[in-house]
Amino acid sequence: MEKKTIFQLKSLYRDPLRVTGFTFGSGERSACVVGALRGNEVQQLYTCSQLVKALKEIEAEGKLVPGKSILVVPCVNSASMNIRKRFWPTDNTDINRMFPGYDLGETTQRIAAGLFEEIKGYKNGIQFASFYVPGVFVPHVRIMKTGWENAEKAREFGLPYILLRQPRPYDTTTLNYNWQVWESDAFSVYAGTTDTIDRKDVTLAVNAVLNFLRKENIITGSKHIHEGYISEVIDEGDLLSVQSRTSGIIDSFLSPGANVARGQTLAQVLDPYDGSVRERLTAPMDGVIFFAQEDPLTYAGSCVYKLIR
């Protein structure tokens, strides 16, 4: 293993921003894994740290395939991570909306450009990503439908679901999209939570990446790797949103992964002052909970659950 600074940006008032990478093996640029691009992605940072730990042991066992290299970048936005702010501290911009970057542009454009220069050209790109709405997902692999996507290869992770997503205009500046444009097979792995640590989902996500690396002949068998699920491919358009009509405190009864029946109560919205029930949220169909809002407060029109039909 080689630990190195892959990008550095000077700061006026603090230490420079240093983006650290861990390289395993040498030769073909086979796989790159990126963790926290945002300052609240604690689960993503921790998942990467556990992946680095596992790969160190795999390397010590002599189970890296010769002529293949892996790069792991646990954290990009340490400046925001230090103060637990999701976006860049000074101007509130999102690094994951700045790719492929511009080395003479604004700060986050320069960070994106410096990072992308180092990580483009890898055969496979894996990002531990988070959602813009605070909440918890069933662990899954998400792929944008760019015309270059490889849904069949995504089955090698062994996660329960593969979600195909039609990109919107703002998605063209994300890491996943640009990796695909630069001819990498790109996958976003969603490992449960964001700003808290769920060790069960971390273990599942690390195992999924190791499964993928083994099936891509980048590493060989190891005690760390366990066979996963037979993945089901779903389209984002097939998800059904369950929205609240009123605002208040959410009292949730079920978590992601739960099977629900049509008419079953999923949650209730409580009056924040007197505790009375303002609304009951029920399942409009039989299905599986794919996403659940994590914020204890909801507002009228907010998406509280997403169900797989």
Protein backbone atom coordinates (compact mmCIF):
# COMPACT_ATOMS: atom_id res chain seq x y z
CA MET A 1 0.00 0.00 0.00
CA GLU A 2 1.16 3.50 -0.82
CA LYS A 3 -0.37 6.52 0.91
CA LYS A 4 0.02 9.78 -0.99
CA THR A 5 -1.44 13.26 -1.43
CA ILE A 6 -3.10 13.21 -4.84
CA PHE A 7 -4.21 16.86 -4.78
CA GLN A 8 -3.44 19.89 -2.64
CA LEU A 9 -4.98 23.36 -2.53
CA LYS A 10 -3.49 26.28 -0.58
CA SER A 11 -5.63 28.09 1.98
CA LEU A 12 -5.41 31.71 3.11
CA TYR A 13 -6.07 31.10 6.79
CA ARG A 14 -5.74 27.35 7.45
CA ASP A 15 -3.60 24.41 6.48
CA PRO A 16 -3.82 23.43 2.80
CA LEU A 17 -6.63 21.12 1.71
CA ARG A 18 -4.95 17.77 1.09
CA VAL A 19 -6.78 14.96 -0.69
CA THR A 20 -5.21 11.65 0.33
CA GLY A 21 -5.29 8.45 -1.68
CA PHE A 22 -4.27 4.85 -0.94
CA THR A 23 -2.87 2.81 -3.83
CA PHE A 24 -2.81 -0.98 -3.82
CA GLY A 25 -0.88 -2.95 -6.43
CA SER A 26 0.58 -1.53 -9.64
CA GLY A 27 -0.02 -1.63 -13.36
CA GLU A 28 -3.41 -1.28 -15.06
CA ARG A 29 -5.65 1.39 -13.52
CA SER A 30 -8.32 -1.17 -12.67
CA ALA A 31 -10.56 0.42 -10.01
CA CYS A 32 -10.90 3.71 -8.18
CA VAL A 33 -13.11 4.18 -5.11
CA VAL A 34 -14.10 7.66 -3.87
CA GLY A 35 -15.69 8.32 -0.49
CA ALA A 36 -16.88 11.58 1.07
CA LEU A 37 -17.21 14.44 -1.41
CA ARG A 38 -19.41 16.30 1.09
CA GLY A 39 -18.76 17.31 4.65
CA ASN A 40 -21.58 15.32 6.28
CA GLU A 41 -20.86 12.01 4.54
CA VAL A 42 -19.59 10.26 7.66
CA GLN A 43 -20.96 6.84 6.64
CA GLN A 44 -19.18 7.13 3.29
CA LEU A 45 -15.89 8.13 4.94
CA TYR A 46 -16.11 5.27 7.45
CA THR A 47 -16.97 2.78 4.71
CA CYS A 48 -13.85 3.80 2.77
CA SER A 49 -11.70 3.47 5.90
CA GLN A 50 -12.93 -0.09 6.38
CA LEU A 51 -12.28 -0.85 2.72
CA VAL A 52 -8.69 0.42 3.07
CA LYS A 53 -8.27 -1.76 6.16
CA ALA A 54 -9.57 -4.84 4.31
CA LEU A 55 -7.41 -4.20 1.24
CA LYS A 56 -4.30 -3.86 3.43
CA GLU A 57 -4.97 -7.33 4.81
CA ILE A 58 -5.73 -8.72 1.34
CA GLU A 59 -2.46 -7.27 0.08
CA ALA A 60 -0.60 -8.83 3.02
CA GLU A 61 -2.17 -12.19 2.11
CA GLY A 62 -0.74 -11.84 -1.42
CA LYS A 63 -4.19 -11.83 -2.99
CA LEU A 64 -3.87 -8.76 -5.22
CA VAL A 65 -3.75 -9.83 -8.87
CA PRO A 66 -0.36 -8.79 -10.39
CA GLY A 67 -0.51 -5.98 -12.93
CA LYS A 68 -3.69 -4.43 -11.46
CA SER A 69 -3.96 -1.31 -9.28
CA ILE A 70 -6.67 0.07 -6.98
CA LEU A 71 -6.93 3.66 -5.74
CA VAL A 72 -9.09 4.52 -2.69
CA VAL A 73 -9.80 8.18 -1.84
CA PRO A 74 -11.66 8.22 1.52
CA CYS A 75 -12.36 11.98 1.76
CA VAL A 76 -12.19 14.90 -0.66
CA ASN A 77 -13.85 17.69 1.31
CA SER A 78 -12.05 17.57 4.66
CA ALA A 79 -12.53 21.32 5.18
CA SER A 80 -16.30 20.85 5.36
CA MET A 81 -15.95 17.54 7.21
CA ASN A 82 -14.08 19.33 10.02
CA ILE A 83 -17.08 21.57 10.71
CA ARG A 84 -19.79 19.05 9.66
CA LYS A 85 -21.09 21.31 6.89
CA ARG A 86 -22.37 19.46 3.80
CA PHE A 87 -21.03 21.86 1.17
CA TRP A 88 -17.90 23.99 0.75
CA PRO A 89 -17.69 26.29 3.81
CA THR A 90 -17.11 29.69 2.18
CA ASP A 91 -19.63 29.71 -0.68
CA ASN A 92 -21.86 26.66 0.01
CA THR A 93 -21.13 25.05 -3.38
CA ASP A 94 -21.20 21.31 -4.00
CA ILE A 95 -18.04 19.62 -5.32
CA ASN A 96 -20.21 16.88 -6.83
CA ARG A 97 -21.84 19.47 -9.10
CA MET A 98 -18.49 20.72 -10.48
CA PHE A 99 -17.06 17.84 -12.55
CA PRO A 100 -15.01 17.55 -14.67
CA GLY A 101 -13.84 20.77 -13.02
CA TYR A 102 -11.87 23.82 -14.15
CA ASP A 103 -8.38 24.44 -12.79
CA LEU A 104 -8.71 28.24 -13.16
CA GLY A 105 -12.25 28.47 -11.81
CA GLU A 106 -13.88 28.79 -8.41
CA THR A 107 -12.51 26.82 -5.45
CA THR A 108 -14.78 23.78 -5.80
CA GLN A 109 -14.20 23.73 -9.58
CA ARG A 110 -10.45 23.57 -8.92
CA ILE A 111 -10.88 20.77 -6.37
CA ALA A 112 -13.02 18.78 -8.81
CA ALA A 113 -10.49 19.35 -11.61
CA GLY A 114 -7.53 18.31 -9.43
CA LEU A 115 -9.30 15.17 -8.24
CA PHE A 116 -10.65 14.17 -11.65
CA GLU A 117 -7.25 14.53 -13.28
CA GLU A 118 -6.01 11.79 -10.91
CA ILE A 119 -8.98 9.43 -11.04
CA LYS A 120 -10.10 9.54 -14.68
CA GLY A 121 -8.86 6.71 -16.85
CA TYR A 122 -9.60 3.96 -14.33
CA LYS A 123 -11.46 1.04 -15.86
CA ASN A 124 -14.01 1.06 -13.02
CA GLY A 125 -15.11 3.98 -10.86
CA ILE A 126 -17.01 3.45 -7.60
CA GLN A 127 -18.41 6.27 -5.49
CA PHE A 128 -19.92 5.92 -2.02
CA ALA A 129 -22.67 8.49 -2.53
CA SER A 130 -25.42 10.20 -0.53
CA PHE A 131 -28.88 11.53 -1.39
CA TYR A 132 -29.92 15.19 -1.32
CA VAL A 133 -32.84 14.37 1.00
CA PRO A 134 -31.82 13.16 4.50
CA GLY A 135 -32.91 9.55 4.71
CA VAL A 136 -32.04 5.87 4.63
CA PHE A 137 -31.97 3.60 1.57
CA VAL A 138 -31.93 -0.11 1.06
CA PRO A 139 -28.27 -0.65 0.06
CA HIS A 140 -28.07 -0.54 -3.72
CA VAL A 141 -26.00 0.38 -6.76
CA ARG A 142 -27.16 3.40 -8.74
CA ILE A 143 -26.25 4.00 -12.38
CA MET A 144 -27.09 6.91 -14.65
CA LYS A 145 -28.48 5.99 -18.06
CA THR A 146 -25.95 7.84 -20.20
CA GLY A 147 -25.80 5.35 -23.04
CA TRP A 148 -22.49 4.05 -21.66
CA GLU A 149 -23.92 2.43 -18.52
CA ASN A 150 -23.20 -1.22 -17.71
CA ALA A 151 -26.06 -2.61 -15.63
CA GLU A 152 -24.97 -6.22 -16.05
CA LYS A 153 -21.57 -5.50 -14.52
CA ALA A 154 -23.35 -3.88 -11.55
CA ARG A 155 -24.66 -7.33 -10.60
CA GLU A 156 -21.11 -8.20 -9.54
CA PHE A 157 -21.52 -6.12 -6.36
CA GLY A 158 -24.16 -8.53 -5.08
CA LEU A 159 -26.32 -5.79 -3.54
CA PRO A 160 -30.10 -6.27 -3.32
CA TYR A 161 -30.99 -3.72 -6.02
CA ILE A 162 -29.56 -1.93 -9.05
CA LEU A 163 -31.31 1.39 -9.70
CA LEU A 164 -31.21 2.87 -13.19
CA ARG A 165 -31.72 6.62 -13.28
CA GLN A 166 -32.40 8.95 -16.19
CA PRO A 167 -29.96 11.88 -15.76
CA ARG A 168 -31.31 15.39 -15.37
CA PRO A 169 -29.41 18.43 -16.72
CA TYR A 170 -27.67 19.10 -13.39
CA ASP A 171 -26.44 15.49 -13.25
CA THR A 172 -24.03 16.14 -16.13
CA THR A 173 -21.64 17.79 -13.65
CA THR A 174 -21.52 14.85 -11.21
CA LEU A 175 -18.62 12.44 -10.76
CA ASN A 176 -20.63 9.40 -11.86
CA TYR A 177 -21.70 11.00 -15.15
CA ASN A 178 -18.24 12.30 -16.03
CA TRP A 179 -16.55 9.03 -15.20
CA GLN A 180 -18.82 7.43 -17.80
CA VAL A 181 -18.09 10.15 -20.36
CA TRP A 182 -14.36 9.47 -19.88
CA GLU A 183 -15.04 5.77 -20.58
CA SER A 184 -15.00 4.32 -17.06
CA ASP A 185 -17.73 1.97 -15.90
CA ALA A 186 -19.14 4.09 -13.06
CA PHE A 187 -21.25 2.97 -10.11
CA SER A 188 -22.65 4.84 -7.12
CA VAL A 189 -23.02 2.66 -4.03
CA TYR A 190 -25.58 3.81 -1.47
CA ALA A 191 -24.79 2.31 1.93
CA GLY A 192 -27.75 3.22 4.12
CA THR A 193 -27.25 6.44 6.07
CA THR A 194 -25.15 9.60 5.57
CA ASP A 195 -24.25 11.57 8.71
CA THR A 196 -24.43 8.66 11.14
CA ILE A 197 -22.66 5.29 11.07
CA ASP A 198 -24.55 2.06 10.46
CA ARG A 199 -21.97 -0.71 10.80
CA LYS A 200 -24.25 -3.37 9.32
CA ASP A 201 -24.61 -1.43 6.08
CA VAL A 202 -20.90 -0.52 6.10
CA THR A 203 -20.02 -4.22 6.25
CA LEU A 204 -22.45 -4.92 3.40
CA ALA A 205 -20.99 -2.10 1.25
CA VAL A 206 -17.36 -3.11 1.83
CA ASN A 207 -18.19 -6.72 1.02
CA ALA A 208 -19.99 -5.56 -2.15
CA VAL A 209 -16.92 -3.69 -3.41
CA LEU A 210 -14.64 -6.64 -2.60
CA ASN A 211 -17.08 -8.95 -4.41
CA PHE A 212 -16.89 -6.66 -7.43
CA LEU A 213 -13.07 -6.54 -7.35
CA ARG A 214 -12.90 -10.33 -7.15
CA LYS A 215 -15.28 -10.85 -10.06
CA GLU A 216 -13.32 -8.30 -12.11
CA ASN A 217 -10.15 -10.35 -11.40
CA ILE A 218 -8.48 -7.51 -9.51
CA ILE A 219 -8.20 -9.46 -6.26
CA THR A 220 -8.53 -13.18 -5.57
CA GLY A 221 -10.59 -14.97 -2.92
CA SER A 222 -10.26 -13.84 0.69
CA LYS A 223 -11.81 -14.43 4.09
CA HIS A 224 -13.22 -10.88 3.77
CA ILE A 225 -15.46 -11.73 0.82
CA HIS A 226 -18.89 -13.34 1.06
CA GLU A 227 -21.33 -13.96 -1.75
CA GLY A 228 -24.06 -11.33 -1.87
CA TYR A 229 -27.57 -11.11 -3.27
CA ILE A 230 -28.90 -11.84 -6.72
CA SER A 231 -29.56 -8.22 -7.67
CA GLU A 232 -32.90 -6.99 -8.97
CA VAL A 233 -32.74 -4.21 -11.58
CA ILE A 234 -35.30 -1.44 -11.08
CA ASP A 235 -35.91 1.88 -12.81
CA GLU A 236 -36.25 5.08 -10.82
CA GLY A 237 -39.51 5.71 -12.64
CA ASP A 238 -40.94 2.55 -11.08
CA LEU A 239 -40.57 3.92 -7.53
CA LEU A 240 -43.71 5.35 -5.94
CA SER A 241 -43.40 8.29 -3.56
CA VAL A 242 -45.51 8.50 -0.42
CA GLN A 243 -45.88 12.18 0.49
CA SER A 244 -47.28 13.90 3.55
CA ARG A 245 -50.16 16.33 3.05
CA THR A 246 -49.54 18.09 6.37
CA SER A 247 -46.52 19.25 8.38
CA GLY A 248 -45.43 18.02 11.78
CA ILE A 249 -43.36 15.37 13.56
CA ILE A 250 -42.97 12.06 11.72
CA ASP A 251 -43.63 8.92 13.78
CA SER A 252 -42.33 6.15 11.48
CA PHE A 253 -43.29 2.52 12.00
CA LEU A 254 -41.20 0.81 9.29
CA SER A 255 -37.67 0.92 7.91
CA PRO A 256 -36.19 0.41 4.41
CA GLY A 257 -36.33 -3.19 3.24
CA ALA A 258 -39.67 -3.91 4.93
CA ASN A 259 -42.42 -5.55 2.89
CA VAL A 260 -45.72 -3.68 3.08
CA ALA A 261 -49.29 -4.42 2.07
CA ARG A 262 -51.73 -2.03 0.43
CA GLY A 263 -53.45 0.08 3.11
CA GLN A 264 -50.84 -0.68 5.80
CA THR A 265 -49.91 2.27 8.02
CA LEU A 266 -46.32 3.36 7.39
CA ALA A 267 -46.13 6.41 9.64
CA GLN A 268 -48.19 9.13 11.23
CA VAL A 269 -47.71 12.89 11.27
CA LEU A 270 -48.10 14.33 14.78
CA ASP A 271 -48.97 17.86 15.81
CA PRO A 272 -45.69 19.18 17.29
CA TYR A 273 -47.49 21.03 20.12
CA ASP A 274 -50.17 18.65 21.39
CA GLY A 275 -49.15 15.26 19.91
CA SER A 276 -52.44 14.63 18.16
CA VAL A 277 -52.41 12.69 14.90
CA ARG A 278 -52.74 15.02 11.94
CA GLU A 279 -52.34 12.38 9.24
CA ARG A 280 -51.69 8.68 8.74
CA LEU A 281 -49.49 7.67 5.83
CA THR A 282 -50.53 4.34 4.30
CA ALA A 283 -49.08 2.15 1.57
CA PRO A 284 -50.93 2.75 -1.72
CA MET A 285 -49.95 -0.73 -2.94
CA ASP A 286 -48.10 -3.91 -2.03
CA GLY A 287 -44.36 -3.34 -2.21
CA VAL A 288 -41.01 -2.90 -0.50
CA ILE A 289 -39.79 0.25 1.26
CA PHE A 290 -36.78 1.47 -0.73
CA PHE A 291 -36.23 4.83 1.00
CA ALA A 292 -37.40 6.40 4.27
CA GLN A 293 -36.97 10.02 5.32
CA GLU A 294 -34.65 10.37 8.31
CA ASP A 295 -35.54 13.92 9.34
CA PRO A 296 -37.95 13.86 12.32
CA LEU A 297 -39.91 16.81 10.87
CA THR A 298 -41.90 16.78 7.66
CA TYR A 299 -43.60 19.47 5.63
CA ALA A 300 -46.64 19.41 3.38
CA GLY A 301 -45.74 17.77 0.09
CA SER A 302 -42.53 16.15 1.37
CA CYS A 303 -41.54 12.66 0.25
CA VAL A 304 -41.49 10.46 3.34
CA TYR A 305 -41.13 7.04 1.67
CA LYS A 306 -40.29 5.59 -1.72
CA LEU A 307 -41.71 2.15 -2.49
CA ILE A 308 -40.71 -0.45 -5.04
CA ARG A 309 -43.83 -1.49 -6.90
